[in-house]
């Protein structure tokens, strides 16, 4: 994978980046370069080396740089190019009702808001 491909995906949304470190251990990092996902006080960081890419680590909230050669895969999680989730299984109300046969149907609203049980 080339640096320009990695940066294009990171600039269009949040990505799961799978890499290997110097000990051949796989590392999964959630990264972005998309301005709408960056905290307001964080400035964009650029690097001028073709063999290094820089991305904002969503979990640590820090910029991190990695060798392009260490990247195994970049999965687009949000933004343009992300897989459409509309085709995934969606539970119908009937299916959910069957799951909760021990509860009267009126209690399903309470289950959505358990704090109501303690009032």
C-alpha atoms as a PDB file:
ATOM      1  CA  UNK A   1       0.000   0.000   0.000  1.00  0.00           C
ATOM      2  CA  UNK A   2       1.323   3.448  -0.878  1.00  0.00           C
ATOM      3  CA  UNK A   3       1.447   6.499   1.376  1.00  0.00           C
ATOM      4  CA  UNK A   4      -0.978   8.446  -0.826  1.00  0.00           C
ATOM      5  CA  UNK A   5      -3.580   5.631  -0.589  1.00  0.00           C
ATOM      6  CA  UNK A   6      -3.273   5.480   3.203  1.00  0.00           C
ATOM      7  CA  UNK A   7      -3.552   9.250   3.612  1.00  0.00           C
ATOM      8  CA  UNK A   8      -6.536   9.468   1.252  1.00  0.00           C
ATOM      9  CA  UNK A   9      -8.456   6.945   3.363  1.00  0.00           C
ATOM     10  CA  UNK A  10      -7.449   8.660   6.625  1.00  0.00           C
ATOM     11  CA  UNK A  11      -8.498  12.064   5.232  1.00  0.00           C
ATOM     12  CA  UNK A  12     -11.963  10.809   4.302  1.00  0.00           C
ATOM     13  CA  UNK A  13     -12.897   9.410   7.738  1.00  0.00           C
ATOM     14  CA  UNK A  14     -11.914   7.099  10.577  1.00  0.00           C
ATOM     15  CA  UNK A  15      -9.972   3.962   9.654  1.00  0.00           C
ATOM     16  CA  UNK A  16      -8.814   0.791  11.296  1.00  0.00           C
ATOM     17  CA  UNK A  17      -5.137   0.427  10.399  1.00  0.00           C
ATOM     18  CA  UNK A  18      -3.455  -2.964  10.811  1.00  0.00           C
ATOM     19  CA  UNK A  19       0.343  -2.896  10.945  1.00  0.00           C
ATOM     20  CA  UNK A  20       3.234  -5.048  12.082  1.00  0.00           C
ATOM     21  CA  UNK A  21       5.902  -3.733  14.419  1.00  0.00           C
ATOM     22  CA  UNK A  22       9.637  -4.494  14.287  1.00  0.00           C
ATOM     23  CA  UNK A  23       8.965  -7.799  16.121  1.00  0.00           C
ATOM     24  CA  UNK A  24       6.332  -8.875  13.536  1.00  0.00           C
ATOM     25  CA  UNK A  25       3.497  -8.369  16.041  1.00  0.00           C
ATOM     26  CA  UNK A  26       0.241  -7.088  14.563  1.00  0.00           C
ATOM     27  CA  UNK A  27      -1.003  -3.759  15.857  1.00  0.00           C
ATOM     28  CA  UNK A  28      -4.539  -2.439  15.305  1.00  0.00           C
ATOM     29  CA  UNK A  29      -4.867   1.338  15.487  1.00  0.00           C
ATOM     30  CA  UNK A  30      -7.940   3.528  14.910  1.00  0.00           C
ATOM     31  CA  UNK A  31      -6.700   6.592  13.022  1.00  0.00           C
ATOM     32  CA  UNK A  32      -7.883   9.593  11.039  1.00  0.00           C
ATOM     33  CA  UNK A  33      -6.686  12.731   9.300  1.00  0.00           C
ATOM     34  CA  UNK A  34     -10.226  13.948   8.636  1.00  0.00           C
ATOM     35  CA  UNK A  35     -10.686  17.496  10.014  1.00  0.00           C
ATOM     36  CA  UNK A  36     -14.243  16.812  11.259  1.00  0.00           C
ATOM     37  CA  UNK A  37     -12.931  14.035  13.532  1.00  0.00           C
ATOM     38  CA  UNK A  38      -9.996  15.983  14.960  1.00  0.00           C
ATOM     39  CA  UNK A  39     -10.323  17.928  18.226  1.00  0.00           C
ATOM     40  CA  UNK A  40     -10.589  21.680  17.645  1.00  0.00           C
ATOM     41  CA  UNK A  41      -7.240  22.453  19.276  1.00  0.00           C
ATOM     42  CA  UNK A  42      -5.284  19.930  17.168  1.00  0.00           C
ATOM     43  CA  UNK A  43      -3.406  21.136  14.111  1.00  0.00           C
ATOM     44  CA  UNK A  44      -2.873  18.982  11.028  1.00  0.00           C
ATOM     45  CA  UNK A  45       0.582  17.422  10.952  1.00  0.00           C
ATOM     46  CA  UNK A  46       2.426  16.618   7.746  1.00  0.00           C
ATOM     47  CA  UNK A  47       5.554  14.669   7.034  1.00  0.00           C
ATOM     48  CA  UNK A  48       7.787  15.019   4.021  1.00  0.00           C
ATOM     49  CA  UNK A  49       9.111  11.477   3.829  1.00  0.00           C
ATOM     50  CA  UNK A  50       7.558   9.080   1.307  1.00  0.00           C
ATOM     51  CA  UNK A  51       8.161   6.041   3.523  1.00  0.00           C
ATOM     52  CA  UNK A  52       6.405   7.455   6.641  1.00  0.00           C
ATOM     53  CA  UNK A  53       2.729   8.267   7.139  1.00  0.00           C
ATOM     54  CA  UNK A  54       1.252  10.255   9.997  1.00  0.00           C
ATOM     55  CA  UNK A  55      -2.232   9.866  11.425  1.00  0.00           C
ATOM     56  CA  UNK A  56      -4.171  10.965  14.477  1.00  0.00           C
ATOM     57  CA  UNK A  57      -4.626   8.006  16.849  1.00  0.00           C
ATOM     58  CA  UNK A  58      -8.259   8.282  17.962  1.00  0.00           C
ATOM     59  CA  UNK A  59      -7.715   6.287  21.165  1.00  0.00           C
ATOM     60  CA  UNK A  60      -4.626   8.103  22.468  1.00  0.00           C
ATOM     61  CA  UNK A  61      -5.623  11.442  20.878  1.00  0.00           C
ATOM     62  CA  UNK A  62      -2.069  11.951  19.600  1.00  0.00           C
ATOM     63  CA  UNK A  63      -0.382  12.165  16.212  1.00  0.00           C
ATOM     64  CA  UNK A  64       1.650   9.063  15.419  1.00  0.00           C
ATOM     65  CA  UNK A  65       3.965   8.227  12.537  1.00  0.00           C
ATOM     66  CA  UNK A  66       4.564   4.758  11.122  1.00  0.00           C
ATOM     67  CA  UNK A  67       6.509   3.298   8.211  1.00  0.00           C
ATOM     68  CA  UNK A  68       4.327   2.756   5.157  1.00  0.00           C
ATOM     69  CA  UNK A  69       5.941  -0.669   4.732  1.00  0.00           C
ATOM     70  CA  UNK A  70       4.503  -1.801   8.097  1.00  0.00           C
ATOM     71  CA  UNK A  71       0.875  -1.404   6.932  1.00  0.00           C
ATOM     72  CA  UNK A  72      -0.990  -4.642   6.219  1.00  0.00           C
ATOM     73  CA  UNK A  73      -4.492  -3.217   5.769  1.00  0.00           C
ATOM     74  CA  UNK A  74      -6.512  -0.016   6.102  1.00  0.00           C
ATOM     75  CA  UNK A  75     -10.258  -0.485   6.625  1.00  0.00           C
ATOM     76  CA  UNK A  76     -12.476   2.546   6.109  1.00  0.00           C
ATOM     77  CA  UNK A  77     -14.838   2.673   9.134  1.00  0.00           C
ATOM     78  CA  UNK A  78     -16.548   6.027   8.487  1.00  0.00           C
ATOM     79  CA  UNK A  79     -16.723   8.505   5.644  1.00  0.00           C
ATOM     80  CA  UNK A  80     -16.593   8.077   1.904  1.00  0.00           C
ATOM     81  CA  UNK A  81     -15.629   4.535   0.999  1.00  0.00           C
ATOM     82  CA  UNK A  82     -16.889   2.993   4.246  1.00  0.00           C
ATOM     83  CA  UNK A  83     -18.899  -0.191   3.906  1.00  0.00           C
ATOM     84  CA  UNK A  84     -22.637   0.414   3.877  1.00  0.00           C
ATOM     85  CA  UNK A  85     -24.235  -1.053   7.020  1.00  0.00           C
ATOM     86  CA  UNK A  86     -27.790  -1.122   5.627  1.00  0.00           C
ATOM     87  CA  UNK A  87     -27.510  -4.763   4.580  1.00  0.00           C
ATOM     88  CA  UNK A  88     -26.584  -6.012   8.044  1.00  0.00           C
ATOM     89  CA  UNK A  89     -29.122  -7.897  10.122  1.00  0.00           C
ATOM     90  CA  UNK A  90     -31.721  -5.672  11.692  1.00  0.00           C
ATOM     91  CA  UNK A  91     -34.017  -7.070  14.348  1.00  0.00           C
ATOM     92  CA  UNK A  92     -37.729  -6.621  13.821  1.00  0.00           C
ATOM     93  CA  UNK A  93     -40.040  -5.732  16.734  1.00  0.00           C
ATOM     94  CA  UNK A  94     -41.561  -9.222  16.501  1.00  0.00           C
ATOM     95  CA  UNK A  95     -38.151 -10.858  16.829  1.00  0.00           C
ATOM     96  CA  UNK A  96     -37.303  -8.687  19.833  1.00  0.00           C
ATOM     97  CA  UNK A  97     -40.655  -9.476  21.444  1.00  0.00           C
ATOM     98  CA  UNK A  98     -39.927 -13.209  21.147  1.00  0.00           C
ATOM     99  CA  UNK A  99     -36.597 -12.699  22.892  1.00  0.00           C
ATOM    100  CA  UNK A 100     -38.346 -11.186  25.880  1.00  0.00           C
ATOM    101  CA  UNK A 101     -41.250 -13.584  26.290  1.00  0.00           C
ATOM    102  CA  UNK A 102     -40.866 -13.462  30.079  1.00  0.00           C
ATOM    103  CA  UNK A 103     -41.736  -9.773  30.041  1.00  0.00           C
ATOM    104  CA  UNK A 104     -45.117  -8.287  29.214  1.00  0.00           C
ATOM    105  CA  UNK A 105     -44.924  -6.038  26.146  1.00  0.00           C
ATOM    106  CA  UNK A 106     -45.547  -2.950  28.317  1.00  0.00           C
ATOM    107  CA  UNK A 107     -42.301  -3.625  30.158  1.00  0.00           C
ATOM    108  CA  UNK A 108     -40.179  -3.335  26.998  1.00  0.00           C
ATOM    109  CA  UNK A 109     -40.207   0.458  27.312  1.00  0.00           C
ATOM    110  CA  UNK A 110     -38.857   0.155  30.851  1.00  0.00           C
ATOM    111  CA  UNK A 111     -36.090  -2.141  29.604  1.00  0.00           C
ATOM    112  CA  UNK A 112     -34.907   0.606  27.253  1.00  0.00           C
ATOM    113  CA  UNK A 113     -34.657   2.956  30.242  1.00  0.00           C
ATOM    114  CA  UNK A 114     -33.643   0.819  33.263  1.00  0.00           C
ATOM    115  CA  UNK A 115     -33.249   3.891  35.469  1.00  0.00           C
ATOM    116  CA  UNK A 116     -37.066   4.108  35.447  1.00  0.00           C
ATOM    117  CA  UNK A 117     -37.185   0.899  37.500  1.00  0.00           C
ATOM    118  CA  UNK A 118     -35.680   2.658  40.492  1.00  0.00           C
ATOM    119  CA  UNK A 119     -38.080   5.586  40.654  1.00  0.00           C
END
